[in-house]
Amino acid sequence: MENSRIEEVEIERFNSLRLRAISFAVWFLGLILIQLPLNNLVLATIGIISALFCLSFIYATFKTTNVFKKIKKDSTLNQALMNEMYLSFDYKAVCTGFYSTMFFVMLLFIVSNFMEIPGKIICMSVIYIQVVSTDLRRLFLYKQ
């Protein structure tokens, strides 16, 4: 009985993290694309899609927060789902995000020698790469 409850909460945590990662990826990509000089119909379409995924991201963030609160309040769940293995997963995910961001910054530096890239797009792209690579790595590790 206890194992099924732990598995149920673990699946709920994975699904909420996956929803948060997907909604952030689409929402923030929309924010980056809005900065580009596109025609008004394309900008409006991107804006609407981005706004919908922004709402989805807000929902997923609250859902993820509630799942982690549930895990922290219950000692059995906390012991099973917040142990050293999951802390190691988070550490590995953050390291992956850090190194992918460093690689992306070097790539942007090389590309910026050949073409002019606005600073706002560079900053948003760096944030995007860091968060998406961290979330993807975390999801791959949790799925194992």
C-alpha atoms as a PDB file:
ATOM      1  CA  MET A   1       0.000   0.000   0.000  1.00  0.00           C
ATOM      2  CA  GLU A   2       2.783   2.398   0.948  1.00  0.00           C
ATOM      3  CA  ASN A   3       4.815   1.611  -2.191  1.00  0.00           C
ATOM      4  CA  SER A   4       1.872   2.350  -4.454  1.00  0.00           C
ATOM      5  CA  ARG A   5       1.426   5.735  -2.761  1.00  0.00           C
ATOM      6  CA  ILE A   6       5.118   6.544  -3.249  1.00  0.00           C
ATOM      7  CA  GLU A   7       4.950   5.510  -6.908  1.00  0.00           C
ATOM      8  CA  GLU A   8       1.792   7.558  -7.375  1.00  0.00           C
ATOM      9  CA  VAL A   9       3.423  10.706  -5.967  1.00  0.00           C
ATOM     10  CA  GLU A  10       6.590  10.056  -7.992  1.00  0.00           C
ATOM     11  CA  ILE A  11       4.537   9.842 -11.195  1.00  0.00           C
ATOM     12  CA  GLU A  12       2.664  12.996 -10.197  1.00  0.00           C
ATOM     13  CA  ARG A  13       5.975  14.797  -9.616  1.00  0.00           C
ATOM     14  CA  PHE A  14       7.364  13.657 -12.971  1.00  0.00           C
ATOM     15  CA  ASN A  15       4.210  14.700 -14.839  1.00  0.00           C
ATOM     16  CA  SER A  16       4.149  18.132 -13.210  1.00  0.00           C
ATOM     17  CA  LEU A  17       7.849  18.670 -13.978  1.00  0.00           C
ATOM     18  CA  ARG A  18       7.283  17.570 -17.578  1.00  0.00           C
ATOM     19  CA  LEU A  19       4.337  19.951 -17.989  1.00  0.00           C
ATOM     20  CA  ARG A  20       6.399  22.767 -16.503  1.00  0.00           C
ATOM     21  CA  ALA A  21       9.341  22.063 -18.824  1.00  0.00           C
ATOM     22  CA  ILE A  22       7.231  21.863 -21.987  1.00  0.00           C
ATOM     23  CA  SER A  23       5.163  24.929 -21.198  1.00  0.00           C
ATOM     24  CA  PHE A  24       8.268  26.976 -20.340  1.00  0.00           C
ATOM     25  CA  ALA A  25      10.016  25.879 -23.528  1.00  0.00           C
ATOM     26  CA  VAL A  26       7.158  26.952 -25.783  1.00  0.00           C
ATOM     27  CA  TRP A  27       6.292  30.113 -23.821  1.00  0.00           C
ATOM     28  CA  PHE A  28       9.829  31.463 -23.642  1.00  0.00           C
ATOM     29  CA  LEU A  29      10.564  30.534 -27.247  1.00  0.00           C
ATOM     30  CA  GLY A  30       7.529  32.628 -28.162  1.00  0.00           C
ATOM     31  CA  LEU A  31       8.942  35.525 -26.155  1.00  0.00           C
ATOM     32  CA  ILE A  32      12.213  35.263 -28.061  1.00  0.00           C
ATOM     33  CA  LEU A  33      10.489  35.038 -31.439  1.00  0.00           C
ATOM     34  CA  ILE A  34       8.400  38.128 -30.678  1.00  0.00           C
ATOM     35  CA  GLN A  35      11.653  40.112 -30.558  1.00  0.00           C
ATOM     36  CA  LEU A  36      12.352  39.302 -34.220  1.00  0.00           C
ATOM     37  CA  PRO A  37      11.092  41.546 -37.034  1.00  0.00           C
ATOM     38  CA  LEU A  38       8.189  39.461 -38.366  1.00  0.00           C
ATOM     39  CA  ASN A  39       4.887  40.485 -39.947  1.00  0.00           C
ATOM     40  CA  ASN A  40       1.928  41.310 -37.714  1.00  0.00           C
ATOM     41  CA  LEU A  41      -0.088  38.133 -38.358  1.00  0.00           C
ATOM     42  CA  VAL A  42       2.831  35.897 -37.394  1.00  0.00           C
ATOM     43  CA  LEU A  43       3.573  38.028 -34.314  1.00  0.00           C
ATOM     44  CA  ALA A  44      -0.082  37.864 -33.227  1.00  0.00           C
ATOM     45  CA  THR A  45      -0.162  34.085 -33.654  1.00  0.00           C
ATOM     46  CA  ILE A  46       3.076  33.657 -31.728  1.00  0.00           C
ATOM     47  CA  GLY A  47       1.781  36.009 -29.025  1.00  0.00           C
ATOM     48  CA  ILE A  48      -1.454  34.051 -28.554  1.00  0.00           C
ATOM     49  CA  ILE A  49       0.336  30.694 -28.414  1.00  0.00           C
ATOM     50  CA  SER A  50       2.911  32.141 -26.033  1.00  0.00           C
ATOM     51  CA  ALA A  51       0.197  33.549 -23.763  1.00  0.00           C
ATOM     52  CA  LEU A  52      -1.568  30.176 -23.595  1.00  0.00           C
ATOM     53  CA  PHE A  53       1.631  28.399 -22.692  1.00  0.00           C
ATOM     54  CA  CYS A  54       2.396  31.115 -20.133  1.00  0.00           C
ATOM     55  CA  LEU A  55      -0.862  30.230 -18.381  1.00  0.00           C
ATOM     56  CA  SER A  56       0.073  26.568 -18.646  1.00  0.00           C
ATOM     57  CA  PHE A  57       3.481  27.340 -17.121  1.00  0.00           C
ATOM     58  CA  ILE A  58       1.883  29.187 -14.202  1.00  0.00           C
ATOM     59  CA  TYR A  59      -0.470  26.245 -13.605  1.00  0.00           C
ATOM     60  CA  ALA A  60       2.407  23.751 -13.822  1.00  0.00           C
ATOM     61  CA  THR A  61       4.492  25.796 -11.397  1.00  0.00           C
ATOM     62  CA  PHE A  62       1.707  25.767  -8.810  1.00  0.00           C
ATOM     63  CA  LYS A  63       1.134  22.050  -9.392  1.00  0.00           C
ATOM     64  CA  THR A  64       4.855  21.281  -8.982  1.00  0.00           C
ATOM     65  CA  THR A  65       5.014  23.396  -5.829  1.00  0.00           C
ATOM     66  CA  ASN A  66       2.047  21.529  -4.355  1.00  0.00           C
ATOM     67  CA  VAL A  67       3.613  18.147  -5.139  1.00  0.00           C
ATOM     68  CA  PHE A  68       6.889  19.147  -3.479  1.00  0.00           C
ATOM     69  CA  LYS A  69       4.979  20.483  -0.450  1.00  0.00           C
ATOM     70  CA  LYS A  70       3.159  17.162  -0.216  1.00  0.00           C
ATOM     71  CA  ILE A  71       6.478  15.318  -0.327  1.00  0.00           C
ATOM     72  CA  LYS A  72       8.099  17.524   2.326  1.00  0.00           C
ATOM     73  CA  LYS A  73       5.152  17.261   4.749  1.00  0.00           C
ATOM     74  CA  ASP A  74       5.008  13.459   4.727  1.00  0.00           C
ATOM     75  CA  SER A  75       8.088  11.881   6.298  1.00  0.00           C
ATOM     76  CA  THR A  76       7.734   8.624   4.351  1.00  0.00           C
ATOM     77  CA  LEU A  77       7.453  10.411   1.019  1.00  0.00           C
ATOM     78  CA  ASN A  78      10.275  12.765   1.968  1.00  0.00           C
ATOM     79  CA  GLN A  79      12.548   9.880   2.842  1.00  0.00           C
ATOM     80  CA  ALA A  80      11.698   7.949  -0.333  1.00  0.00           C
ATOM     81  CA  LEU A  81      11.500  10.775  -2.891  1.00  0.00           C
ATOM     82  CA  MET A  82      14.010  13.349  -1.643  1.00  0.00           C
ATOM     83  CA  ASN A  83      16.920  11.040  -0.880  1.00  0.00           C
ATOM     84  CA  GLU A  84      20.504  11.290  -2.092  1.00  0.00           C
ATOM     85  CA  MET A  85      19.670   9.812  -5.490  1.00  0.00           C
ATOM     86  CA  TYR A  86      17.265  12.648  -6.312  1.00  0.00           C
ATOM     87  CA  LEU A  87      19.649  15.253  -4.928  1.00  0.00           C
ATOM     88  CA  SER A  88      22.303  13.763  -7.209  1.00  0.00           C
ATOM     89  CA  PHE A  89      19.859  13.984 -10.123  1.00  0.00           C
ATOM     90  CA  ASP A  90      19.300  17.672  -9.415  1.00  0.00           C
ATOM     91  CA  TYR A  91      23.038  18.288  -9.151  1.00  0.00           C
ATOM     92  CA  LYS A  92      23.669  16.530 -12.464  1.00  0.00           C
ATOM     93  CA  ALA A  93      20.856  18.483 -14.124  1.00  0.00           C
ATOM     94  CA  VAL A  94      22.212  21.821 -12.920  1.00  0.00           C
ATOM     95  CA  CYS A  95      25.718  20.875 -14.091  1.00  0.00           C
ATOM     96  CA  THR A  96      24.359  19.956 -17.502  1.00  0.00           C
ATOM     97  CA  GLY A  97      22.548  23.289 -17.684  1.00  0.00           C
ATOM     98  CA  PHE A  98      25.690  25.140 -16.698  1.00  0.00           C
ATOM     99  CA  TYR A  99      27.930  23.461 -19.265  1.00  0.00           C
ATOM    100  CA  SER A 100      25.380  23.713 -22.063  1.00  0.00           C
ATOM    101  CA  THR A 101      25.017  27.414 -21.284  1.00  0.00           C
ATOM    102  CA  MET A 102      28.780  27.902 -21.412  1.00  0.00           C
ATOM    103  CA  PHE A 103      28.932  26.106 -24.764  1.00  0.00           C
ATOM    104  CA  PHE A 104      26.038  28.186 -26.104  1.00  0.00           C
ATOM    105  CA  VAL A 105      27.665  31.446 -24.974  1.00  0.00           C
ATOM    106  CA  MET A 106      30.876  30.499 -26.773  1.00  0.00           C
ATOM    107  CA  LEU A 107      28.849  29.670 -29.878  1.00  0.00           C
ATOM    108  CA  LEU A 108      27.037  33.028 -29.676  1.00  0.00           C
ATOM    109  CA  PHE A 109      30.367  34.791 -29.266  1.00  0.00           C
ATOM    110  CA  ILE A 110      31.662  33.186 -32.466  1.00  0.00           C
ATOM    111  CA  VAL A 111      28.441  33.913 -34.386  1.00  0.00           C
ATOM    112  CA  SER A 112      28.370  37.516 -33.186  1.00  0.00           C
ATOM    113  CA  ASN A 113      31.667  38.113 -34.997  1.00  0.00           C
ATOM    114  CA  PHE A 114      29.905  37.517 -38.306  1.00  0.00           C
ATOM    115  CA  MET A 115      26.478  39.065 -37.707  1.00  0.00           C
ATOM    116  CA  GLU A 116      24.831  41.586 -35.410  1.00  0.00           C
ATOM    117  CA  ILE A 117      22.645  39.965 -32.746  1.00  0.00           C
ATOM    118  CA  PRO A 118      20.621  42.185 -30.383  1.00  0.00           C
ATOM    119  CA  GLY A 119      21.622  41.931 -26.727  1.00  0.00           C
ATOM    120  CA  LYS A 120      18.081  41.237 -25.577  1.00  0.00           C
ATOM    121  CA  ILE A 121      17.818  38.173 -27.823  1.00  0.00           C
ATOM    122  CA  ILE A 122      21.219  36.941 -26.628  1.00  0.00           C
ATOM    123  CA  CYS A 123      20.230  37.256 -22.964  1.00  0.00           C
ATOM    124  CA  MET A 124      16.867  35.584 -23.496  1.00  0.00           C
ATOM    125  CA  SER A 125      18.491  32.791 -25.517  1.00  0.00           C
ATOM    126  CA  VAL A 126      21.029  32.101 -22.781  1.00  0.00           C
ATOM    127  CA  ILE A 127      18.261  31.866 -20.166  1.00  0.00           C
ATOM    128  CA  TYR A 128      16.236  29.643 -22.479  1.00  0.00           C
ATOM    129  CA  ILE A 129      19.097  27.225 -23.149  1.00  0.00           C
ATOM    130  CA  GLN A 130      19.993  26.989 -19.462  1.00  0.00           C
ATOM    131  CA  VAL A 131      16.478  26.278 -18.224  1.00  0.00           C
ATOM    132  CA  VAL A 132      15.500  23.907 -21.025  1.00  0.00           C
ATOM    133  CA  SER A 133      18.708  21.862 -20.827  1.00  0.00           C
ATOM    134  CA  THR A 134      18.431  21.628 -17.034  1.00  0.00           C
ATOM    135  CA  ASP A 135      14.789  20.557 -17.192  1.00  0.00           C
ATOM    136  CA  LEU A 136      15.408  18.018 -19.955  1.00  0.00           C
ATOM    137  CA  ARG A 137      18.317  16.461 -18.080  1.00  0.00           C
ATOM    138  CA  ARG A 138      16.255  16.321 -14.893  1.00  0.00           C
ATOM    139  CA  LEU A 139      13.395  14.609 -16.724  1.00  0.00           C
ATOM    140  CA  PHE A 140      15.732  12.057 -18.330  1.00  0.00           C
ATOM    141  CA  LEU A 141      17.272  11.258 -14.961  1.00  0.00           C
ATOM    142  CA  TYR A 142      13.895  10.981 -13.210  1.00  0.00           C
ATOM    143  CA  LYS A 143      12.597   8.685 -15.937  1.00  0.00           C
ATOM    144  CA  GLN A 144      15.364   6.109 -15.378  1.00  0.00           C
END
